[in-house]
Amino acid sequence: MKNSEIKNQFEEIKSLLKKGDNKLLNFVEAAKYLSISHSQLYKYTSQRKIPFHKPAGKYLYFFRHELDLWIKRNDECRLTNGEEKSEDGSQESEEETEPP
């Protein structure tokens, strides 16, 4: 394969991946994608804690890449606030508490 062919294929793959990142999700799909309840997602949107779009003033829509950035940003905030993920995925605090 020539370098130009490889470069063209790479650019095509890159554009396809970029299109997948811009996928628009409705409310139900976003809740499923985030693995949270509908009420929790509604709470995040009403408190403006999560990026969303309401183009017609009625239905909520979410871009997958914005949700990914939101997850990453919130995960980084949690880790900088003294919480760490344990090996099983649960959250643990760095501070040890004394027994009563």
C-alpha atoms as a PDB file:
ATOM      1  CA  MET A   1       0.000   0.000   0.000  1.00  0.00           C
ATOM      2  CA  LYS A   2       1.216   3.471  -0.833  1.00  0.00           C
ATOM      3  CA  ASN A   3       1.509   6.202   1.758  1.00  0.00           C
ATOM      4  CA  SER A   4      -1.183   8.258   0.032  1.00  0.00           C
ATOM      5  CA  GLU A   5      -3.638   5.323   0.168  1.00  0.00           C
ATOM      6  CA  ILE A   6      -2.922   4.781   3.858  1.00  0.00           C
ATOM      7  CA  LYS A   7      -3.372   8.478   4.550  1.00  0.00           C
ATOM      8  CA  ASN A   8      -6.712   8.541   2.678  1.00  0.00           C
ATOM      9  CA  GLN A   9      -7.972   5.518   4.598  1.00  0.00           C
ATOM     10  CA  PHE A  10      -6.832   7.053   7.868  1.00  0.00           C
ATOM     11  CA  GLU A  11      -8.685  10.309   7.086  1.00  0.00           C
ATOM     12  CA  GLU A  12     -11.831   8.348   6.180  1.00  0.00           C
ATOM     13  CA  ILE A  13     -11.698   6.380   9.454  1.00  0.00           C
ATOM     14  CA  LYS A  14     -11.083   9.581  11.386  1.00  0.00           C
ATOM     15  CA  SER A  15     -14.108  11.292   9.834  1.00  0.00           C
ATOM     16  CA  LEU A  16     -16.321   8.264  10.545  1.00  0.00           C
ATOM     17  CA  LEU A  17     -15.224   8.225  14.177  1.00  0.00           C
ATOM     18  CA  LYS A  18     -15.885  11.935  14.451  1.00  0.00           C
ATOM     19  CA  LYS A  19     -19.417  11.479  13.099  1.00  0.00           C
ATOM     20  CA  GLY A  20     -20.078   8.804  15.730  1.00  0.00           C
ATOM     21  CA  ASP A  21     -19.029  11.201  18.497  1.00  0.00           C
ATOM     22  CA  ASN A  22     -21.613  13.735  17.378  1.00  0.00           C
ATOM     23  CA  LYS A  23     -24.501  11.316  17.754  1.00  0.00           C
ATOM     24  CA  LEU A  24     -27.557  12.977  19.192  1.00  0.00           C
ATOM     25  CA  LEU A  25     -29.280  11.119  22.033  1.00  0.00           C
ATOM     26  CA  ASN A  26     -32.800  11.639  23.304  1.00  0.00           C
ATOM     27  CA  PHE A  27     -33.602  11.711  27.021  1.00  0.00           C
ATOM     28  CA  VAL A  28     -34.139   7.951  27.389  1.00  0.00           C
ATOM     29  CA  GLU A  29     -31.014   7.086  25.373  1.00  0.00           C
ATOM     30  CA  ALA A  30     -28.906   9.532  27.404  1.00  0.00           C
ATOM     31  CA  ALA A  31     -30.090   8.046  30.711  1.00  0.00           C
ATOM     32  CA  LYS A  32     -29.285   4.566  29.438  1.00  0.00           C
ATOM     33  CA  TYR A  33     -25.898   5.701  28.084  1.00  0.00           C
ATOM     34  CA  LEU A  34     -25.009   7.237  31.466  1.00  0.00           C
ATOM     35  CA  SER A  35     -26.518   4.293  33.399  1.00  0.00           C
ATOM     36  CA  ILE A  36     -28.609   6.584  35.572  1.00  0.00           C
ATOM     37  CA  SER A  37     -32.330   6.816  36.262  1.00  0.00           C
ATOM     38  CA  HIS A  38     -34.613   9.166  34.364  1.00  0.00           C
ATOM     39  CA  SER A  39     -35.267  11.126  37.550  1.00  0.00           C
ATOM     40  CA  GLN A  40     -31.540  11.579  38.176  1.00  0.00           C
ATOM     41  CA  LEU A  41     -30.979  12.829  34.623  1.00  0.00           C
ATOM     42  CA  TYR A  42     -33.923  15.209  34.955  1.00  0.00           C
ATOM     43  CA  LYS A  43     -32.435  16.493  38.207  1.00  0.00           C
ATOM     44  CA  TYR A  44     -29.064  17.133  36.507  1.00  0.00           C
ATOM     45  CA  THR A  45     -30.749  19.008  33.651  1.00  0.00           C
ATOM     46  CA  SER A  46     -32.984  21.100  35.893  1.00  0.00           C
ATOM     47  CA  GLN A  47     -29.940  22.083  37.969  1.00  0.00           C
ATOM     48  CA  ARG A  48     -27.975  22.696  34.738  1.00  0.00           C
ATOM     49  CA  LYS A  49     -25.240  20.306  35.892  1.00  0.00           C
ATOM     50  CA  ILE A  50     -25.136  18.396  32.609  1.00  0.00           C
ATOM     51  CA  PRO A  51     -24.937  19.693  29.026  1.00  0.00           C
ATOM     52  CA  PHE A  52     -28.222  19.390  27.131  1.00  0.00           C
ATOM     53  CA  HIS A  53     -30.098  20.988  24.260  1.00  0.00           C
ATOM     54  CA  LYS A  54     -33.768  21.887  24.034  1.00  0.00           C
ATOM     55  CA  PRO A  55     -34.166  23.151  20.445  1.00  0.00           C
ATOM     56  CA  ALA A  56     -37.969  23.268  20.229  1.00  0.00           C
ATOM     57  CA  GLY A  57     -38.487  24.090  23.887  1.00  0.00           C
ATOM     58  CA  LYS A  58     -40.076  20.720  24.590  1.00  0.00           C
ATOM     59  CA  TYR A  59     -37.730  17.752  24.264  1.00  0.00           C
ATOM     60  CA  LEU A  60     -34.242  17.349  25.717  1.00  0.00           C
ATOM     61  CA  TYR A  61     -31.375  16.134  23.569  1.00  0.00           C
ATOM     62  CA  PHE A  62     -27.762  15.324  24.378  1.00  0.00           C
ATOM     63  CA  PHE A  63     -24.610  14.978  22.288  1.00  0.00           C
ATOM     64  CA  ARG A  64     -22.639  11.870  23.178  1.00  0.00           C
ATOM     65  CA  HIS A  65     -19.279  13.668  23.025  1.00  0.00           C
ATOM     66  CA  GLU A  66     -20.558  16.337  25.463  1.00  0.00           C
ATOM     67  CA  LEU A  67     -21.694  13.622  27.879  1.00  0.00           C
ATOM     68  CA  ASP A  68     -18.280  11.949  27.612  1.00  0.00           C
ATOM     69  CA  LEU A  69     -16.560  15.246  28.439  1.00  0.00           C
ATOM     70  CA  TRP A  70     -18.966  15.818  31.338  1.00  0.00           C
ATOM     71  CA  ILE A  71     -18.192  12.350  32.737  1.00  0.00           C
ATOM     72  CA  LYS A  72     -14.463  12.914  32.400  1.00  0.00           C
ATOM     73  CA  ARG A  73     -14.610  16.378  33.988  1.00  0.00           C
ATOM     74  CA  ASN A  74     -16.673  15.148  36.943  1.00  0.00           C
ATOM     75  CA  ASP A  75     -14.442  12.114  37.407  1.00  0.00           C
ATOM     76  CA  GLU A  76     -11.380  14.377  37.510  1.00  0.00           C
ATOM     77  CA  CYS A  77     -13.086  16.673  40.043  1.00  0.00           C
ATOM     78  CA  ARG A  78     -13.915  13.712  42.279  1.00  0.00           C
ATOM     79  CA  LEU A  79     -10.331  12.463  42.172  1.00  0.00           C
ATOM     80  CA  THR A  80      -8.907  15.908  42.987  1.00  0.00           C
ATOM     81  CA  ASN A  81     -11.300  16.227  45.932  1.00  0.00           C
ATOM     82  CA  GLY A  82      -9.695  13.323  47.775  1.00  0.00           C
ATOM     83  CA  GLU A  83     -11.679  10.396  46.465  1.00  0.00           C
ATOM     84  CA  GLU A  84     -10.160   7.430  44.704  1.00  0.00           C
ATOM     85  CA  LYS A  85     -11.653   4.528  42.847  1.00  0.00           C
ATOM     86  CA  SER A  86     -10.959   1.145  44.369  1.00  0.00           C
ATOM     87  CA  GLU A  87     -10.234  -1.887  42.226  1.00  0.00           C
ATOM     88  CA  ASP A  88     -13.907  -2.909  42.263  1.00  0.00           C
ATOM     89  CA  GLY A  89     -14.924   0.531  40.902  1.00  0.00           C
ATOM     90  CA  SER A  90     -16.468   1.884  44.099  1.00  0.00           C
ATOM     91  CA  GLN A  91     -15.439   5.233  45.517  1.00  0.00           C
ATOM     92  CA  GLU A  92     -13.217   5.438  48.562  1.00  0.00           C
ATOM     93  CA  SER A  93     -12.141   8.521  50.476  1.00  0.00           C
ATOM     94  CA  GLU A  94      -8.489   9.063  51.289  1.00  0.00           C
ATOM     95  CA  GLU A  95      -9.378  10.282  54.761  1.00  0.00           C
ATOM     96  CA  GLU A  96      -9.641   7.651  57.442  1.00  0.00           C
ATOM     97  CA  THR A  97     -12.300   8.069  60.079  1.00  0.00           C
ATOM     98  CA  GLU A  98     -11.869   7.075  63.668  1.00  0.00           C
ATOM     99  CA  PRO A  99     -14.289   4.631  65.223  1.00  0.00           C
ATOM    100  CA  PRO A 100     -16.830   6.208  67.636  1.00  0.00           C
END
